[in-house]
Amino acid sequence: MSATATYTVTGMTCGHCVQAVTDEISAIDGVESVDVQLESGLVTVVSAEPLASPVVAAAVDEAGYALAT
């Protein structure tokens, strides 16, 4: 059974930003898909199991951006 979570990422301004966030989140174990909407900053992640928010935050940080709190 899959888990779906939505996050808001701040600081993205272009397609490269979207790709960087997608790549970093996709690298998390168990992630099945990532959908990043540049205009709204919304990121929808589907994973095999629910992900811990700090794990997602670390991946977004590695891409150079931040989760909105």
C-alpha atoms as a PDB file:
ATOM      1  CA  MET A   1       0.000   0.000   0.000  1.00  0.00           C
ATOM      2  CA  SER A   2       1.400   3.385  -1.005  1.00  0.00           C
ATOM      3  CA  ALA A   3       1.546   6.548   1.054  1.00  0.00           C
ATOM      4  CA  THR A   4       1.058  10.000  -0.476  1.00  0.00           C
ATOM      5  CA  ALA A   5       2.268  13.214   1.137  1.00  0.00           C
ATOM      6  CA  THR A   6       2.332  16.816  -0.055  1.00  0.00           C
ATOM      7  CA  TYR A   7       4.953  19.370   0.951  1.00  0.00           C
ATOM      8  CA  THR A   8       5.601  22.996   0.041  1.00  0.00           C
ATOM      9  CA  VAL A   9       9.113  23.865  -1.101  1.00  0.00           C
ATOM     10  CA  THR A  10      10.302  27.476  -1.064  1.00  0.00           C
ATOM     11  CA  GLY A  11      12.879  29.128  -3.291  1.00  0.00           C
ATOM     12  CA  MET A  12      12.283  27.321  -6.592  1.00  0.00           C
ATOM     13  CA  THR A  13      12.346  29.639  -9.626  1.00  0.00           C
ATOM     14  CA  CYS A  14      12.963  27.483 -12.712  1.00  0.00           C
ATOM     15  CA  GLY A  15      12.917  24.050 -14.301  1.00  0.00           C
ATOM     16  CA  HIS A  16      16.395  23.295 -12.969  1.00  0.00           C
ATOM     17  CA  CYS A  17      15.079  23.848  -9.445  1.00  0.00           C
ATOM     18  CA  VAL A  18      12.248  21.406 -10.096  1.00  0.00           C
ATOM     19  CA  GLN A  19      14.675  18.791 -11.434  1.00  0.00           C
ATOM     20  CA  ALA A  20      17.059  19.192  -8.482  1.00  0.00           C
ATOM     21  CA  VAL A  21      14.247  18.711  -5.944  1.00  0.00           C
ATOM     22  CA  THR A  22      12.808  15.789  -7.926  1.00  0.00           C
ATOM     23  CA  ASP A  23      16.196  14.067  -8.135  1.00  0.00           C
ATOM     24  CA  GLU A  24      16.985  14.414  -4.414  1.00  0.00           C
ATOM     25  CA  ILE A  25      13.570  13.246  -3.204  1.00  0.00           C
ATOM     26  CA  SER A  26      13.527  10.402  -5.737  1.00  0.00           C
ATOM     27  CA  ALA A  27      16.771   9.121  -4.214  1.00  0.00           C
ATOM     28  CA  ILE A  28      15.054   8.434  -0.857  1.00  0.00           C
ATOM     29  CA  ASP A  29      14.497   4.708  -0.312  1.00  0.00           C
ATOM     30  CA  GLY A  30      10.919   3.697  -1.021  1.00  0.00           C
ATOM     31  CA  VAL A  31       9.937   6.736  -3.104  1.00  0.00           C
ATOM     32  CA  GLU A  32       7.815   5.669  -6.056  1.00  0.00           C
ATOM     33  CA  SER A  33       7.059   9.041  -7.671  1.00  0.00           C
ATOM     34  CA  VAL A  34       7.611  12.767  -7.195  1.00  0.00           C
ATOM     35  CA  ASP A  35       5.508  15.536  -8.749  1.00  0.00           C
ATOM     36  CA  VAL A  36       6.840  19.088  -8.347  1.00  0.00           C
ATOM     37  CA  GLN A  37       4.712  22.103  -9.288  1.00  0.00           C
ATOM     38  CA  LEU A  38       6.996  25.109  -9.838  1.00  0.00           C
ATOM     39  CA  GLU A  39       4.310  27.798  -9.642  1.00  0.00           C
ATOM     40  CA  SER A  40       2.837  26.719  -6.306  1.00  0.00           C
ATOM     41  CA  GLY A  41       5.898  25.020  -4.813  1.00  0.00           C
ATOM     42  CA  LEU A  42       3.788  21.961  -4.049  1.00  0.00           C
ATOM     43  CA  VAL A  43       5.583  18.629  -4.098  1.00  0.00           C
ATOM     44  CA  THR A  44       3.569  15.411  -4.016  1.00  0.00           C
ATOM     45  CA  VAL A  45       5.490  12.290  -3.055  1.00  0.00           C
ATOM     46  CA  VAL A  46       4.203   8.736  -3.369  1.00  0.00           C
ATOM     47  CA  SER A  47       6.203   6.181  -1.396  1.00  0.00           C
ATOM     48  CA  ALA A  48       5.931   2.558  -0.340  1.00  0.00           C
ATOM     49  CA  GLU A  49       5.727   3.615   3.322  1.00  0.00           C
ATOM     50  CA  PRO A  50       5.104   7.023   4.961  1.00  0.00           C
ATOM     51  CA  LEU A  51       8.267   9.138   4.954  1.00  0.00           C
ATOM     52  CA  ALA A  52       9.589  10.984   7.979  1.00  0.00           C
ATOM     53  CA  SER A  53       9.433  14.747   7.376  1.00  0.00           C
ATOM     54  CA  PRO A  54      13.093  15.259   8.447  1.00  0.00           C
ATOM     55  CA  VAL A  55      14.181  12.834   5.719  1.00  0.00           C
ATOM     56  CA  VAL A  56      12.277  14.787   3.076  1.00  0.00           C
ATOM     57  CA  ALA A  57      13.520  18.104   4.506  1.00  0.00           C
ATOM     58  CA  ALA A  58      17.130  16.863   4.298  1.00  0.00           C
ATOM     59  CA  ALA A  59      16.680  15.870   0.640  1.00  0.00           C
ATOM     60  CA  VAL A  60      15.145  19.257  -0.214  1.00  0.00           C
ATOM     61  CA  ASP A  61      17.968  20.987   1.668  1.00  0.00           C
ATOM     62  CA  GLU A  62      20.524  18.956  -0.296  1.00  0.00           C
ATOM     63  CA  ALA A  63      18.912  20.294  -3.487  1.00  0.00           C
ATOM     64  CA  GLY A  64      19.403  23.836  -2.153  1.00  0.00           C
ATOM     65  CA  TYR A  65      15.858  24.652  -1.087  1.00  0.00           C
ATOM     66  CA  ALA A  66      13.703  24.441   2.045  1.00  0.00           C
ATOM     67  CA  LEU A  67      10.388  23.008   3.130  1.00  0.00           C
ATOM     68  CA  ALA A  68       7.889  25.657   4.189  1.00  0.00           C
ATOM     69  CA  THR A  69       6.983  25.341   7.863  1.00  0.00           C
END
